[in-house]
């Protein structure tokens, strides 16, 4: 089945030559309206074009998602096209690379072992709910979260150690760039320490609290609350300071 027919004077003799590109077959060159010359022209593999339609779009991403989730088994030819980074396997890195190509934010990186996950890429993956069951999107996003560098949700971890003396660590993550405020409160709801109040890029962060208030004075033992505010998210947890 022919995909395209192109005319041009390939050999410069003033006579139009014909190139016929075929779906799933070798392309053929006819020179000067005579017998084909030379060997057949190998079809070019467009990295990331998983469905072989000549374009890189959302259908290619869906092919990879269904493969990664185990719904479909790709044949050798499709695997070759879907292997965006040309590392010999089709995985989450290829899906991320294809989305970056679609969004105009990058290219398929031959031999690459990393792919940049941006908030735009995450939003693209989330939009696959228009094409896939919700449980499939959730499973795939969990895979993205395990393999990526940018979190898919806002979260505040339990401080460690807890109880603590004299210092404790507080981890949090945000999926998009936000103005972030992390503060410590006593049980009366009074703010005693602001650990950060500034703009943060999407990512994972760690803060340390030394048990002191904003004036540098050590606070008494007891239960304290620490709160993360980022965009429309507000998360609060408890911790215990012991002396």
C-alpha atoms as a PDB file:
ATOM      1  CA  UNK A   1       0.000   0.000   0.000  1.00  0.00           C
ATOM      2  CA  UNK A   2       1.585   3.259  -1.120  1.00  0.00           C
ATOM      3  CA  UNK A   3       2.022   5.990   1.464  1.00  0.00           C
ATOM      4  CA  UNK A   4       3.234   8.687  -0.905  1.00  0.00           C
ATOM      5  CA  UNK A   5       4.509   9.269  -4.442  1.00  0.00           C
ATOM      6  CA  UNK A   6       7.112  11.979  -5.077  1.00  0.00           C
ATOM      7  CA  UNK A   7       8.540  13.281  -8.376  1.00  0.00           C
ATOM      8  CA  UNK A   8      11.969  14.810  -8.839  1.00  0.00           C
ATOM      9  CA  UNK A   9      15.044  14.717 -11.047  1.00  0.00           C
ATOM     10  CA  UNK A  10      17.165  12.523  -8.805  1.00  0.00           C
ATOM     11  CA  UNK A  11      20.038  11.893 -11.236  1.00  0.00           C
ATOM     12  CA  UNK A  12      20.090  15.304 -12.904  1.00  0.00           C
ATOM     13  CA  UNK A  13      19.352  14.094 -16.450  1.00  0.00           C
ATOM     14  CA  UNK A  14      16.392  16.419 -16.982  1.00  0.00           C
ATOM     15  CA  UNK A  15      13.855  13.597 -16.708  1.00  0.00           C
ATOM     16  CA  UNK A  16      11.514  13.295 -13.737  1.00  0.00           C
ATOM     17  CA  UNK A  17      12.166  10.291 -11.509  1.00  0.00           C
ATOM     18  CA  UNK A  18       9.635   8.660  -9.190  1.00  0.00           C
ATOM     19  CA  UNK A  19       9.956   7.604  -5.542  1.00  0.00           C
ATOM     20  CA  UNK A  20       7.161   5.442  -4.125  1.00  0.00           C
ATOM     21  CA  UNK A  21       7.039   5.149  -0.310  1.00  0.00           C
ATOM     22  CA  UNK A  22       5.112   2.134   0.952  1.00  0.00           C
ATOM     23  CA  UNK A  23       3.493   1.334   4.295  1.00  0.00           C
ATOM     24  CA  UNK A  24       5.379  -1.473   5.987  1.00  0.00           C
ATOM     25  CA  UNK A  25       7.414  -2.235   2.858  1.00  0.00           C
ATOM     26  CA  UNK A  26      10.590  -0.990   1.263  1.00  0.00           C
ATOM     27  CA  UNK A  27      10.353   2.195  -0.781  1.00  0.00           C
ATOM     28  CA  UNK A  28      11.159   1.996  -4.511  1.00  0.00           C
ATOM     29  CA  UNK A  29      12.960   4.457  -6.820  1.00  0.00           C
ATOM     30  CA  UNK A  30      12.120   4.547 -10.567  1.00  0.00           C
ATOM     31  CA  UNK A  31      14.637   6.513 -12.621  1.00  0.00           C
ATOM     32  CA  UNK A  32      13.688   8.194 -15.891  1.00  0.00           C
ATOM     33  CA  UNK A  33      10.562   6.115 -16.448  1.00  0.00           C
ATOM     34  CA  UNK A  34      12.719   3.016 -16.897  1.00  0.00           C
ATOM     35  CA  UNK A  35      13.464  -0.042 -14.801  1.00  0.00           C
ATOM     36  CA  UNK A  36      14.258   0.534 -11.151  1.00  0.00           C
ATOM     37  CA  UNK A  37      17.957   1.198 -10.603  1.00  0.00           C
ATOM     38  CA  UNK A  38      19.937   0.280  -7.564  1.00  0.00           C
ATOM     39  CA  UNK A  39      18.637  -1.507  -4.502  1.00  0.00           C
ATOM     40  CA  UNK A  40      15.323  -0.706  -2.828  1.00  0.00           C
ATOM     41  CA  UNK A  41      15.320   2.349  -0.592  1.00  0.00           C
ATOM     42  CA  UNK A  42      14.969   1.428   3.078  1.00  0.00           C
ATOM     43  CA  UNK A  43      12.034   3.233   4.724  1.00  0.00           C
ATOM     44  CA  UNK A  44      13.136   5.826   7.265  1.00  0.00           C
ATOM     45  CA  UNK A  45      12.180   5.066  10.863  1.00  0.00           C
ATOM     46  CA  UNK A  46      10.676   8.100  12.612  1.00  0.00           C
ATOM     47  CA  UNK A  47      11.614   7.664  16.245  1.00  0.00           C
ATOM     48  CA  UNK A  48       8.549   8.008  18.445  1.00  0.00           C
ATOM     49  CA  UNK A  49       6.056   7.338  15.635  1.00  0.00           C
ATOM     50  CA  UNK A  50       4.776   4.202  17.337  1.00  0.00           C
ATOM     51  CA  UNK A  51       1.704   3.734  15.138  1.00  0.00           C
ATOM     52  CA  UNK A  52       3.645   4.377  11.915  1.00  0.00           C
ATOM     53  CA  UNK A  53       1.325   7.062  10.520  1.00  0.00           C
ATOM     54  CA  UNK A  54       4.163   9.487   9.793  1.00  0.00           C
ATOM     55  CA  UNK A  55       3.339  11.823  12.684  1.00  0.00           C
ATOM     56  CA  UNK A  56       4.170  11.944  16.391  1.00  0.00           C
ATOM     57  CA  UNK A  57       0.992  12.627  18.327  1.00  0.00           C
ATOM     58  CA  UNK A  58      -1.192  11.445  21.192  1.00  0.00           C
ATOM     59  CA  UNK A  59      -1.980   8.120  19.496  1.00  0.00           C
ATOM     60  CA  UNK A  60       1.715   7.240  19.725  1.00  0.00           C
ATOM     61  CA  UNK A  61       1.671   7.998  23.450  1.00  0.00           C
ATOM     62  CA  UNK A  62      -1.377   5.758  23.862  1.00  0.00           C
ATOM     63  CA  UNK A  63       0.462   2.900  22.125  1.00  0.00           C
ATOM     64  CA  UNK A  64       3.297   3.185  24.652  1.00  0.00           C
ATOM     65  CA  UNK A  65       0.987   3.555  27.643  1.00  0.00           C
ATOM     66  CA  UNK A  66      -0.913   0.395  26.729  1.00  0.00           C
ATOM     67  CA  UNK A  67       2.361  -1.435  26.182  1.00  0.00           C
ATOM     68  CA  UNK A  68       3.827  -0.269  29.506  1.00  0.00           C
ATOM     69  CA  UNK A  69       0.628  -1.269  31.340  1.00  0.00           C
ATOM     70  CA  UNK A  70       0.791  -4.715  29.710  1.00  0.00           C
ATOM     71  CA  UNK A  71      -2.395  -4.371  27.665  1.00  0.00           C
ATOM     72  CA  UNK A  72      -0.709  -4.921  24.291  1.00  0.00           C
ATOM     73  CA  UNK A  73       2.389  -6.733  23.042  1.00  0.00           C
ATOM     74  CA  UNK A  74       4.198  -4.730  20.377  1.00  0.00           C
ATOM     75  CA  UNK A  75       5.719  -6.449  17.357  1.00  0.00           C
ATOM     76  CA  UNK A  76       9.361  -5.896  16.429  1.00  0.00           C
ATOM     77  CA  UNK A  77       8.645  -3.174  13.860  1.00  0.00           C
ATOM     78  CA  UNK A  78       6.433  -1.194  16.238  1.00  0.00           C
ATOM     79  CA  UNK A  79       8.988  -1.587  19.037  1.00  0.00           C
ATOM     80  CA  UNK A  80      11.640  -0.115  16.742  1.00  0.00           C
ATOM     81  CA  UNK A  81       9.517   2.951  15.992  1.00  0.00           C
ATOM     82  CA  UNK A  82       8.326   3.379  19.593  1.00  0.00           C
ATOM     83  CA  UNK A  83      11.875   3.257  20.983  1.00  0.00           C
ATOM     84  CA  UNK A  84      12.175   7.038  21.076  1.00  0.00           C
ATOM     85  CA  UNK A  85      15.617   7.147  22.706  1.00  0.00           C
ATOM     86  CA  UNK A  86      16.932   4.163  20.713  1.00  0.00           C
ATOM     87  CA  UNK A  87      18.143   2.240  23.767  1.00  0.00           C
ATOM     88  CA  UNK A  88      16.683  -1.090  22.637  1.00  0.00           C
ATOM     89  CA  UNK A  89      13.618  -1.080  24.869  1.00  0.00           C
ATOM     90  CA  UNK A  90      10.274   0.661  25.090  1.00  0.00           C
ATOM     91  CA  UNK A  91       9.572   2.161  28.500  1.00  0.00           C
ATOM     92  CA  UNK A  92       8.527   5.263  30.396  1.00  0.00           C
ATOM     93  CA  UNK A  93      11.532   7.228  29.105  1.00  0.00           C
ATOM     94  CA  UNK A  94      10.233   6.824  25.553  1.00  0.00           C
ATOM     95  CA  UNK A  95       6.735   7.970  26.546  1.00  0.00           C
ATOM     96  CA  UNK A  96       8.167  11.084  28.221  1.00  0.00           C
ATOM     97  CA  UNK A  97      10.395  11.776  25.217  1.00  0.00           C
ATOM     98  CA  UNK A  98       7.467  11.530  22.797  1.00  0.00           C
ATOM     99  CA  UNK A  99       5.376  13.931  24.890  1.00  0.00           C
ATOM    100  CA  UNK A 100       8.258  16.408  24.939  1.00  0.00           C
ATOM    101  CA  UNK A 101       8.395  16.177  21.136  1.00  0.00           C
ATOM    102  CA  UNK A 102       4.633  16.782  20.881  1.00  0.00           C
ATOM    103  CA  UNK A 103       4.867  19.793  23.198  1.00  0.00           C
ATOM    104  CA  UNK A 104       7.852  21.179  21.303  1.00  0.00           C
ATOM    105  CA  UNK A 105      10.005  20.971  24.418  1.00  0.00           C
ATOM    106  CA  UNK A 106      12.625  18.504  23.216  1.00  0.00           C
ATOM    107  CA  UNK A 107      13.516  15.668  20.880  1.00  0.00           C
ATOM    108  CA  UNK A 108      13.915  11.930  21.077  1.00  0.00           C
ATOM    109  CA  UNK A 109      17.403  11.547  22.521  1.00  0.00           C
ATOM    110  CA  UNK A 110      19.243   8.566  20.992  1.00  0.00           C
ATOM    111  CA  UNK A 111      20.981   6.600  23.692  1.00  0.00           C
ATOM    112  CA  UNK A 112      19.514   8.820  26.393  1.00  0.00           C
ATOM    113  CA  UNK A 113      18.878   7.336  29.812  1.00  0.00           C
ATOM    114  CA  UNK A 114      16.983  10.367  31.127  1.00  0.00           C
ATOM    115  CA  UNK A 115      13.969  12.358  30.035  1.00  0.00           C
ATOM    116  CA  UNK A 116      12.829  15.657  31.491  1.00  0.00           C
ATOM    117  CA  UNK A 117       9.500  15.508  33.290  1.00  0.00           C
ATOM    118  CA  UNK A 118       7.973  18.955  33.488  1.00  0.00           C
ATOM    119  CA  UNK A 119       4.578  20.070  34.820  1.00  0.00           C
ATOM    120  CA  UNK A 120       3.468  20.372  31.178  1.00  0.00           C
ATOM    121  CA  UNK A 121       4.357  16.725  30.590  1.00  0.00           C
ATOM    122  CA  UNK A 122       2.457  15.702  33.721  1.00  0.00           C
ATOM    123  CA  UNK A 123      -0.610  17.632  32.589  1.00  0.00           C
ATOM    124  CA  UNK A 124      -0.395  15.901  29.192  1.00  0.00           C
ATOM    125  CA  UNK A 125      -0.311  12.477  30.852  1.00  0.00           C
ATOM    126  CA  UNK A 126      -3.243  13.438  33.077  1.00  0.00           C
ATOM    127  CA  UNK A 127      -5.245  14.429  29.981  1.00  0.00           C
ATOM    128  CA  UNK A 128      -5.022  10.832  28.762  1.00  0.00           C
ATOM    129  CA  UNK A 129      -8.116  10.284  30.902  1.00  0.00           C
ATOM    130  CA  UNK A 130     -10.018  11.419  27.807  1.00  0.00           C
ATOM    131  CA  UNK A 131      -8.848   8.232  26.061  1.00  0.00           C
ATOM    132  CA  UNK A 132      -8.186   5.691  28.832  1.00  0.00           C
ATOM    133  CA  UNK A 133     -10.053   4.328  31.868  1.00  0.00           C
ATOM    134  CA  UNK A 134      -9.326   6.246  35.068  1.00  0.00           C
ATOM    135  CA  UNK A 135      -7.672   3.212  36.684  1.00  0.00           C
ATOM    136  CA  UNK A 136      -5.236   2.945  33.761  1.00  0.00           C
ATOM    137  CA  UNK A 137      -4.315   6.618  34.061  1.00  0.00           C
ATOM    138  CA  UNK A 138      -3.754   6.201  37.816  1.00  0.00           C
ATOM    139  CA  UNK A 139      -1.529   3.142  37.273  1.00  0.00           C
ATOM    140  CA  UNK A 140       0.483   4.916  34.608  1.00  0.00           C
ATOM    141  CA  UNK A 141       0.908   8.078  36.692  1.00  0.00           C
ATOM    142  CA  UNK A 142       2.207   5.932  39.549  1.00  0.00           C
ATOM    143  CA  UNK A 143       4.854   4.575  37.178  1.00  0.00           C
ATOM    144  CA  UNK A 144       5.740   8.119  36.113  1.00  0.00           C
ATOM    145  CA  UNK A 145       6.050   9.137  39.756  1.00  0.00           C
ATOM    146  CA  UNK A 146       8.408   6.236  40.526  1.00  0.00           C
ATOM    147  CA  UNK A 147      10.624   6.976  37.541  1.00  0.00           C
ATOM    148  CA  UNK A 148      10.473  10.769  37.349  1.00  0.00           C
ATOM    149  CA  UNK A 149      12.066  13.675  39.113  1.00  0.00           C
ATOM    150  CA  UNK A 150       8.990  15.866  39.506  1.00  0.00           C
ATOM    151  CA  UNK A 151       6.197  14.781  41.889  1.00  0.00           C
ATOM    152  CA  UNK A 152       2.635  14.376  40.645  1.00  0.00           C
ATOM    153  CA  UNK A 153       0.993  15.704  43.825  1.00  0.00           C
ATOM    154  CA  UNK A 154       1.563  18.056  46.754  1.00  0.00           C
ATOM    155  CA  UNK A 155       2.569  16.283  49.964  1.00  0.00           C
ATOM    156  CA  UNK A 156       4.085  16.907  53.387  1.00  0.00           C
ATOM    157  CA  UNK A 157       5.994  14.063  55.044  1.00  0.00           C
ATOM    158  CA  UNK A 158       6.073  13.237  58.738  1.00  0.00           C
ATOM    159  CA  UNK A 159       9.076  14.900  60.312  1.00  0.00           C
ATOM    160  CA  UNK A 160      12.063  12.724  61.177  1.00  0.00           C
ATOM    161  CA  UNK A 161      13.083  11.990  63.829  1.00  0.00           C
ATOM    162  CA  UNK A 162       9.895  12.327  65.837  1.00  0.00           C
ATOM    163  CA  UNK A 163      10.022  12.907  68.809  1.00  0.00           C
ATOM    164  CA  UNK A 164      13.209  14.942  68.309  1.00  0.00           C
ATOM    165  CA  UNK A 165      15.926  16.825  70.118  1.00  0.00           C
ATOM    166  CA  UNK A 166      17.504  19.119  69.121  1.00  0.00           C
ATOM    167  CA  UNK A 167      16.712  19.076  65.351  1.00  0.00           C
ATOM    168  CA  UNK A 168      14.241  17.447  62.974  1.00  0.00           C
ATOM    169  CA  UNK A 169      13.859  17.205  59.208  1.00  0.00           C
ATOM    170  CA  UNK A 170      10.711  18.138  57.274  1.00  0.00           C
ATOM    171  CA  UNK A 171      10.285  16.966  53.653  1.00  0.00           C
ATOM    172  CA  UNK A 172       7.680  18.242  51.213  1.00  0.00           C
ATOM    173  CA  UNK A 173       7.054  18.172  47.486  1.00  0.00           C
ATOM    174  CA  UNK A 174       5.047  20.277  45.037  1.00  0.00           C
ATOM    175  CA  UNK A 175       4.056  19.370  41.443  1.00  0.00           C
ATOM    176  CA  UNK A 176       4.069  22.945  40.067  1.00  0.00           C
ATOM    177  CA  UNK A 177       5.864  26.206  40.790  1.00  0.00           C
ATOM    178  CA  UNK A 178       4.186  27.884  43.780  1.00  0.00           C
ATOM    179  CA  UNK A 179       4.679  30.397  46.567  1.00  0.00           C
ATOM    180  CA  UNK A 180       5.431  28.100  49.506  1.00  0.00           C
ATOM    181  CA  UNK A 181       5.025  28.763  53.223  1.00  0.00           C
ATOM    182  CA  UNK A 182       6.102  26.247  55.863  1.00  0.00           C
ATOM    183  CA  UNK A 183       5.481  27.396  59.438  1.00  0.00           C
ATOM    184  CA  UNK A 184       5.562  25.964  62.965  1.00  0.00           C
ATOM    185  CA  UNK A 185       2.683  26.583  65.408  1.00  0.00           C
ATOM    186  CA  UNK A 186       2.170  25.838  69.081  1.00  0.00           C
ATOM    187  CA  UNK A 187      -0.981  24.108  70.308  1.00  0.00           C
ATOM    188  CA  UNK A 188      -2.654  27.504  70.781  1.00  0.00           C
ATOM    189  CA  UNK A 189      -2.384  28.095  67.046  1.00  0.00           C
ATOM    190  CA  UNK A 190       0.281  30.797  67.430  1.00  0.00           C
ATOM    191  CA  UNK A 191       3.007  30.911  64.778  1.00  0.00           C
ATOM    192  CA  UNK A 192       6.402  30.423  66.421  1.00  0.00           C
ATOM    193  CA  UNK A 193       8.689  29.883  63.429  1.00  0.00           C
ATOM    194  CA  UNK A 194       8.557  30.371  59.673  1.00  0.00           C
ATOM    195  CA  UNK A 195      10.897  27.930  57.947  1.00  0.00           C
ATOM    196  CA  UNK A 196      10.312  29.239  54.428  1.00  0.00           C
ATOM    197  CA  UNK A 197       8.153  31.792  52.667  1.00  0.00           C
ATOM    198  CA  UNK A 198       9.285  32.084  49.068  1.00  0.00           C
ATOM    199  CA  UNK A 199       8.658  30.938  45.487  1.00  0.00           C
ATOM    200  CA  UNK A 200       9.643  27.327  44.770  1.00  0.00           C
ATOM    201  CA  UNK A 201       9.900  25.432  41.511  1.00  0.00           C
ATOM    202  CA  UNK A 202       8.188  22.044  41.204  1.00  0.00           C
ATOM    203  CA  UNK A 203      10.213  19.432  43.046  1.00  0.00           C
ATOM    204  CA  UNK A 204      11.106  17.841  46.363  1.00  0.00           C
ATOM    205  CA  UNK A 205      12.503  19.853  49.284  1.00  0.00           C
ATOM    206  CA  UNK A 206      13.928  19.315  52.765  1.00  0.00           C
ATOM    207  CA  UNK A 207      13.851  21.772  55.674  1.00  0.00           C
ATOM    208  CA  UNK A 208      15.468  21.569  59.106  1.00  0.00           C
ATOM    209  CA  UNK A 209      14.012  22.890  62.345  1.00  0.00           C
ATOM    210  CA  UNK A 210      16.249  23.382  65.367  1.00  0.00           C
ATOM    211  CA  UNK A 211      13.464  23.798  67.931  1.00  0.00           C
ATOM    212  CA  UNK A 212      13.900  27.576  68.117  1.00  0.00           C
ATOM    213  CA  UNK A 213      11.416  30.365  67.429  1.00  0.00           C
ATOM    214  CA  UNK A 214      11.922  33.208  64.935  1.00  0.00           C
ATOM    215  CA  UNK A 215      14.009  35.074  67.532  1.00  0.00           C
ATOM    216  CA  UNK A 216      16.414  32.142  67.952  1.00  0.00           C
ATOM    217  CA  UNK A 217      15.121  31.222  71.422  1.00  0.00           C
ATOM    218  CA  UNK A 218      14.755  27.532  72.317  1.00  0.00           C
ATOM    219  CA  UNK A 219      11.125  26.480  72.721  1.00  0.00           C
ATOM    220  CA  UNK A 220       9.857  24.250  75.543  1.00  0.00           C
ATOM    221  CA  UNK A 221       9.113  20.575  75.120  1.00  0.00           C
ATOM    222  CA  UNK A 222       5.690  19.696  73.798  1.00  0.00           C
ATOM    223  CA  UNK A 223       3.528  19.110  70.745  1.00  0.00           C
ATOM    224  CA  UNK A 224       3.896  21.461  67.805  1.00  0.00           C
ATOM    225  CA  UNK A 225       2.135  21.711  64.455  1.00  0.00           C
ATOM    226  CA  UNK A 226       3.900  22.272  61.167  1.00  0.00           C
ATOM    227  CA  UNK A 227       1.973  23.426  58.121  1.00  0.00           C
ATOM    228  CA  UNK A 228       2.637  23.553  54.386  1.00  0.00           C
ATOM    229  CA  UNK A 229       0.790  26.080  52.221  1.00  0.00           C
ATOM    230  CA  UNK A 230       1.411  25.921  48.470  1.00  0.00           C
ATOM    231  CA  UNK A 231      -1.109  27.288  45.983  1.00  0.00           C
ATOM    232  CA  UNK A 232      -4.503  25.933  46.998  1.00  0.00           C
ATOM    233  CA  UNK A 233      -2.934  23.166  49.109  1.00  0.00           C
ATOM    234  CA  UNK A 234      -2.776  23.333  52.912  1.00  0.00           C
ATOM    235  CA  UNK A 235      -1.400  20.348  54.856  1.00  0.00           C
ATOM    236  CA  UNK A 236      -0.792  20.228  58.621  1.00  0.00           C
ATOM    237  CA  UNK A 237       0.923  17.585  60.753  1.00  0.00           C
ATOM    238  CA  UNK A 238       1.985  17.162  64.402  1.00  0.00           C
ATOM    239  CA  UNK A 239       5.413  16.619  65.923  1.00  0.00           C
ATOM    240  CA  UNK A 240       6.918  16.293  69.395  1.00  0.00           C
ATOM    241  CA  UNK A 241       9.842  18.344  70.733  1.00  0.00           C
ATOM    242  CA  UNK A 242      11.575  16.719  73.727  1.00  0.00           C
ATOM    243  CA  UNK A 243      14.437  17.967  75.906  1.00  0.00           C
END
